[in-house]
Amino acid sequence: MTRSVVVGIDGSRESLVAAEWAAREAALRDLPLRLVHAAPAPVRESADGPVALTWQQTGEELLHRAQADLAGRYPSVAMSVVQMADSAAPALLSASETAELLVVGARGDGGFDGLVVGSTALATAGTASCAVAIVPGNPPAAAHDAEVCVGADAWHAAGPPLDFAFSAAQLRGARLRALYAWSLSGPAPWSAHGVPEEDRAAWEDEEVQRLSDVLEGRQDKYPDVTVLPDVVLLHPAYALVHASQRADLLVLGRRSGPRAAERRLGPVAHAVLHHSRCPVVVVPHG
């Protein structure tokens, strides 16, 4: 089966912004785009009663309006629409089982004022088997020098997030910032206070070398991608959120496993999703 980009549509402005981003991504990757609307079917009438018909018509109209709007700007992208009688998160997870990328708005039409990331975005990012892009309602305009940033771990490097980031940078003609935030041991691991400058410099050189070793093989695979290794002595969440201010895309890894308890977002990913200024892609890895 042909893999695709799947995006959730609920009629909110945030979901339409996510659909626009998904269409651009599908065009970059030369993949079809599936627009999915999910809502539980009404239970007040029989399946063919007036309430059910109104529910179906509303969803279909929403999907076809979005499809027509996007098709006019992205004529090269093959598009299809799917309406599912289920809650948003389970429906999107089901629709994305054969997807290369699932795209959701950071929040939809539910929730409350001031909510930055909704339950659907968190649920899909934490449990999907494919990469999930969470798109903020007001993504920044593209910078003059396009940049993809990936959170890297020089000690426990994960291949899928790095591969996704290198590929995304190559598709965009962007430079890749490989950000490795490391910490000192001790009661305050994010603080450098009380550490002699020469010791800190020596340790930092070691961390830089570890990151270079991790990146070396992929730089051979993607020779056209300019890579900027960036090693900082800072808490990873702070470093990644700060990097999102200048990036067009931020890529994070998330552990996956056969059991539901093994598929969840860590505290760093949670913090980044709530504060990132740019779209974030969460990539599962073993």
Protein backbone atom coordinates (compact mmCIF):
# COMPACT_ATOMS: atom_id res chain seq x y z
CA MET A 1 0.00 0.00 0.00
CA THR A 2 1.26 3.47 -0.88
CA ARG A 3 2.33 5.39 2.18
CA SER A 4 0.87 8.84 2.69
CA VAL A 5 0.73 11.97 4.78
CA VAL A 6 -2.37 11.96 7.01
CA VAL A 7 -3.79 15.12 8.58
CA GLY A 8 -6.66 15.58 11.00
CA ILE A 9 -9.33 18.18 10.14
CA ASP A 10 -11.97 19.36 12.62
CA GLY A 11 -12.89 22.74 11.15
CA SER A 12 -10.84 24.78 13.60
CA ARG A 13 -8.37 27.38 12.34
CA GLU A 14 -5.55 25.37 13.91
CA SER A 15 -6.48 22.22 11.98
CA LEU A 16 -6.61 24.16 8.71
CA VAL A 17 -3.14 25.57 9.40
CA ALA A 18 -1.98 21.98 10.02
CA ALA A 19 -3.62 20.88 6.74
CA GLU A 20 -1.74 23.57 4.84
CA TRP A 21 1.54 22.43 6.41
CA ALA A 22 0.70 18.79 5.62
CA ALA A 23 -0.01 19.61 1.97
CA ARG A 24 3.37 21.31 1.63
CA GLU A 25 5.04 18.31 3.25
CA ALA A 26 3.23 15.89 0.94
CA ALA A 27 4.41 17.92 -2.05
CA LEU A 28 8.00 17.86 -0.76
CA ARG A 29 7.88 14.10 -0.25
CA ASP A 30 5.88 13.32 -3.41
CA LEU A 31 3.28 11.50 -1.33
CA PRO A 32 -0.53 11.50 -1.39
CA LEU A 33 -2.40 13.44 1.30
CA ARG A 34 -5.33 12.00 3.27
CA LEU A 35 -7.60 14.44 5.09
CA VAL A 36 -9.39 12.80 8.00
CA HIS A 37 -12.37 14.12 9.93
CA ALA A 38 -13.29 12.16 13.04
CA ALA A 39 -16.28 12.59 15.33
CA PRO A 40 -18.40 10.08 17.26
CA ALA A 41 -21.62 9.30 15.44
CA PRO A 42 -24.81 10.67 17.05
CA VAL A 43 -26.80 8.28 19.20
CA ARG A 44 -30.07 10.18 19.54
CA GLU A 45 -31.51 8.81 16.30
CA SER A 46 -31.16 5.65 14.28
CA ALA A 47 -28.16 5.40 11.96
CA ASP A 48 -30.21 6.71 9.04
CA GLY A 49 -32.14 9.32 11.02
CA PRO A 50 -31.97 13.09 10.51
CA VAL A 51 -29.32 13.70 13.17
CA ALA A 52 -27.03 11.09 11.62
CA LEU A 53 -27.53 12.57 8.18
CA THR A 54 -26.70 16.08 9.41
CA TRP A 55 -23.58 14.75 11.14
CA GLN A 56 -22.46 13.01 7.96
CA GLN A 57 -23.19 15.97 5.71
CA THR A 58 -21.37 18.41 7.99
CA GLY A 59 -18.25 16.27 8.05
CA GLU A 60 -18.29 15.70 4.31
CA GLU A 61 -18.74 19.40 3.57
CA LEU A 62 -15.89 20.32 5.86
CA LEU A 63 -13.56 17.79 4.25
CA HIS A 64 -14.43 18.70 0.67
CA ARG A 65 -14.03 22.43 1.32
CA ALA A 66 -10.57 21.83 2.76
CA GLN A 67 -9.66 19.50 -0.10
CA ALA A 68 -10.80 21.97 -2.77
CA ASP A 69 -8.91 24.80 -1.12
CA LEU A 70 -5.67 22.83 -0.86
CA ALA A 71 -5.95 21.24 -4.31
CA GLY A 72 -5.97 24.68 -5.90
CA ARG A 73 -2.60 25.52 -4.34
CA TYR A 74 -1.01 22.05 -4.47
CA PRO A 75 -2.20 20.56 -7.77
CA SER A 76 0.61 18.00 -7.85
CA VAL A 77 -0.56 16.34 -4.60
CA ALA A 78 -3.07 13.49 -4.87
CA MET A 79 -5.68 14.01 -2.14
CA SER A 80 -8.43 11.93 -0.60
CA VAL A 81 -10.85 12.44 2.28
CA VAL A 82 -11.97 10.07 5.03
CA GLN A 83 -14.73 10.54 7.58
CA MET A 84 -14.60 8.31 10.65
CA ALA A 85 -17.20 7.77 13.35
CA ASP A 86 -14.84 7.76 16.31
CA SER A 87 -13.06 10.08 18.69
CA ALA A 88 -10.22 12.05 17.15
CA ALA A 89 -7.17 10.33 18.64
CA PRO A 90 -8.16 6.68 17.97
CA ALA A 91 -9.43 7.56 14.50
CA LEU A 92 -6.22 9.35 13.51
CA LEU A 93 -4.07 6.56 14.94
CA SER A 94 -6.03 4.03 12.88
CA ALA A 95 -5.83 6.16 9.73
CA SER A 96 -2.10 6.59 10.14
CA GLU A 97 -1.19 2.90 10.40
CA THR A 98 0.18 2.94 6.85
CA ALA A 99 1.24 6.60 6.93
CA GLU A 100 4.73 8.00 6.66
CA LEU A 101 3.69 11.05 8.65
CA LEU A 102 0.66 12.03 10.75
CA VAL A 103 0.00 15.77 11.07
CA VAL A 104 -2.19 17.37 13.73
CA GLY A 105 -2.79 20.89 14.92
CA ALA A 106 -1.38 21.67 18.34
CA ARG A 107 -4.96 22.05 19.50
CA GLY A 108 -8.38 21.66 17.92
CA ASP A 109 -11.82 23.09 18.48
CA GLY A 110 -12.15 21.63 21.97
CA GLY A 111 -10.30 22.50 25.15
CA PHE A 112 -10.25 25.92 26.75
CA ASP A 113 -8.77 29.34 26.11
CA GLY A 114 -5.04 29.41 26.74
CA LEU A 115 -4.56 25.70 26.00
CA VAL A 116 -1.41 25.34 23.91
CA VAL A 117 -1.38 21.61 23.13
CA GLY A 118 -4.55 19.56 23.17
CA SER A 119 -5.22 15.98 24.20
CA THR A 120 -5.37 14.69 20.61
CA ALA A 121 -1.93 16.07 19.77
CA LEU A 122 -0.42 14.61 22.94
CA ALA A 123 -2.10 11.22 22.48
CA THR A 124 -1.06 10.79 18.87
CA ALA A 125 2.49 12.05 19.44
CA GLY A 126 2.89 9.64 22.33
CA THR A 127 1.46 6.46 20.79
CA ALA A 128 1.52 6.56 16.97
CA SER A 129 3.72 4.05 15.18
CA CYS A 130 4.75 6.66 12.60
CA ALA A 131 6.28 10.12 12.93
CA VAL A 132 3.81 12.77 14.17
CA ALA A 133 4.04 16.47 13.33
CA ILE A 134 2.42 18.90 15.78
CA VAL A 135 1.82 22.24 14.08
CA PRO A 136 1.22 25.40 16.15
CA GLY A 137 -1.65 27.67 15.25
CA ASN A 138 0.71 30.48 14.31
CA PRO A 139 3.87 28.88 12.88
CA PRO A 140 6.62 31.41 12.18
CA ALA A 141 7.31 32.60 8.67
CA ALA A 142 10.14 30.75 6.97
CA ALA A 143 13.51 32.20 7.86
CA HIS A 144 15.87 33.49 5.18
CA ASP A 145 18.21 30.58 5.94
CA ALA A 146 16.05 27.48 6.36
CA GLU A 147 16.98 25.32 9.33
CA VAL A 148 15.90 21.96 10.70
CA CYS A 149 16.89 21.23 14.29
CA VAL A 150 17.12 17.75 15.78
CA GLY A 151 17.56 16.89 19.43
CA ALA A 152 20.53 14.52 19.55
CA ASP A 153 21.86 12.31 22.32
CA ALA A 154 25.55 11.61 21.84
CA TRP A 155 25.49 8.78 24.39
CA HIS A 156 22.35 6.97 23.24
CA ALA A 157 21.91 8.01 19.62
CA ALA A 158 18.60 7.00 18.03
CA GLY A 159 18.70 6.37 14.30
CA PRO A 160 15.11 7.12 13.18
CA PRO A 161 14.93 10.72 14.50
CA LEU A 162 18.33 11.53 12.98
CA ASP A 163 17.37 9.95 9.65
CA PHE A 164 14.10 11.89 9.60
CA ALA A 165 15.89 15.15 10.37
CA PHE A 166 18.58 14.65 7.72
CA SER A 167 15.94 13.75 5.14
CA ALA A 168 13.77 16.75 6.08
CA ALA A 169 16.75 19.09 5.78
CA GLN A 170 17.67 17.65 2.39
CA LEU A 171 14.10 18.00 1.08
CA ARG A 172 13.96 21.63 2.21
CA GLY A 173 17.45 22.57 1.11
CA ALA A 174 18.01 23.55 4.74
CA ARG A 175 20.92 23.30 7.09
CA LEU A 176 20.63 20.84 9.96
CA ARG A 177 21.38 21.86 13.53
CA ALA A 178 22.16 18.78 15.63
CA LEU A 179 21.55 20.02 19.16
CA TYR A 180 23.02 18.07 22.05
CA ALA A 181 22.27 19.51 25.48
CA TRP A 182 24.45 17.95 28.14
CA SER A 183 24.69 18.43 31.88
CA LEU A 184 27.23 18.18 34.66
CA SER A 185 26.84 15.64 37.42
CA GLY A 186 25.92 16.80 40.87
CA PRO A 187 22.89 18.13 42.74
CA ALA A 188 22.16 20.73 40.04
CA PRO A 189 23.02 19.00 36.75
CA TRP A 190 22.00 21.97 34.62
CA SER A 191 24.32 24.38 36.42
CA ALA A 192 27.97 25.08 35.70
CA HIS A 193 28.55 27.10 38.86
CA GLY A 194 31.59 26.03 40.84
CA VAL A 195 33.19 24.05 37.98
CA PRO A 196 36.69 25.19 36.96
CA GLU A 197 36.73 26.58 33.44
CA GLU A 198 39.46 24.18 32.28
CA ASP A 199 37.48 21.15 33.49
CA ARG A 200 34.32 22.35 31.82
CA ALA A 201 36.20 22.98 28.55
CA ALA A 202 37.75 19.49 28.59
CA TRP A 203 34.40 17.82 29.25
CA GLU A 204 32.75 19.89 26.55
CA ASP A 205 35.41 18.83 24.03
CA GLU A 206 34.61 15.21 24.84
CA GLU A 207 30.89 15.78 24.29
CA VAL A 208 31.56 17.53 20.96
CA GLN A 209 33.62 14.57 19.79
CA ARG A 210 30.88 12.12 20.76
CA LEU A 211 28.32 14.09 18.78
CA SER A 212 30.65 14.26 15.78
CA ASP A 213 31.05 10.47 15.90
CA VAL A 214 27.26 10.05 15.89
CA LEU A 215 26.79 12.36 12.91
CA GLU A 216 29.68 11.14 10.79
CA GLY A 217 27.93 8.20 9.10
CA ARG A 218 24.83 10.17 8.20
CA GLN A 219 26.82 13.05 6.80
CA ASP A 220 28.24 10.54 4.30
CA LYS A 221 24.68 9.48 3.41
CA TYR A 222 23.45 13.08 3.01
CA PRO A 223 26.46 14.92 1.57
CA ASP A 224 24.37 17.89 0.42
CA VAL A 225 23.15 18.69 3.94
CA THR A 226 25.15 21.27 5.86
CA VAL A 227 25.34 20.09 9.47
CA LEU A 228 25.90 22.40 12.43
CA PRO A 229 26.83 20.40 15.55
CA ASP A 230 25.63 22.41 18.54
CA VAL A 231 26.71 21.26 22.00
CA VAL A 232 25.34 23.31 24.90
CA LEU A 233 25.56 23.03 28.66
CA LEU A 234 21.87 23.48 29.37
CA HIS A 235 18.74 21.52 30.24
CA PRO A 236 17.50 19.83 27.01
CA ALA A 237 14.01 21.36 27.22
CA TYR A 238 15.37 24.90 27.55
CA ALA A 239 17.86 24.34 24.75
CA LEU A 240 15.30 22.88 22.34
CA VAL A 241 12.65 25.52 23.02
CA HIS A 242 15.25 28.23 22.44
CA ALA A 243 16.33 26.54 19.20
CA SER A 244 12.70 26.45 18.00
CA GLN A 245 12.74 30.25 17.79
CA ARG A 246 15.06 30.13 14.78
CA ALA A 247 14.14 26.74 13.29
CA ASP A 248 11.58 25.89 10.61
CA LEU A 249 11.19 22.39 12.04
CA LEU A 250 12.22 20.68 15.26
CA VAL A 251 12.67 16.88 15.38
CA LEU A 252 12.55 14.83 18.59
CA GLY A 253 12.76 11.13 19.34
CA ARG A 254 10.32 9.11 21.43
CA ARG A 255 10.81 5.58 22.66
CA SER A 256 8.39 2.98 21.32
CA GLY A 257 7.64 -0.57 22.29
CA PRO A 258 5.04 -3.34 21.99
CA ARG A 259 3.28 -2.36 25.22
CA ALA A 260 1.22 0.79 25.65
CA ALA A 261 3.18 1.75 28.78
CA GLU A 262 6.34 1.90 26.67
CA ARG A 263 4.83 4.35 24.18
CA ARG A 264 4.69 7.73 25.84
CA LEU A 265 6.20 11.17 25.72
CA GLY A 266 8.94 12.03 28.17
CA PRO A 267 9.08 15.27 30.19
CA VAL A 268 11.41 16.97 27.71
CA ALA A 269 9.07 16.28 24.78
CA HIS A 270 6.10 17.51 26.82
CA ALA A 271 7.86 20.77 27.64
CA VAL A 272 8.97 21.31 24.05
CA LEU A 273 5.49 20.68 22.61
CA HIS A 274 3.97 23.21 24.99
CA HIS A 275 6.52 25.94 24.27
CA SER A 276 7.93 25.37 20.77
CA ARG A 277 7.61 28.25 18.32
CA CYS A 278 7.83 26.00 15.23
CA PRO A 279 6.30 22.68 14.11
CA VAL A 280 7.66 19.68 16.03
CA VAL A 281 7.97 16.16 14.63
CA VAL A 282 8.09 13.32 17.17
CA VAL A 283 9.72 10.20 15.71
CA PRO A 284 9.32 6.82 17.48
CA HIS A 285 12.35 4.59 17.85
CA GLY A 286 13.16 1.31 19.56
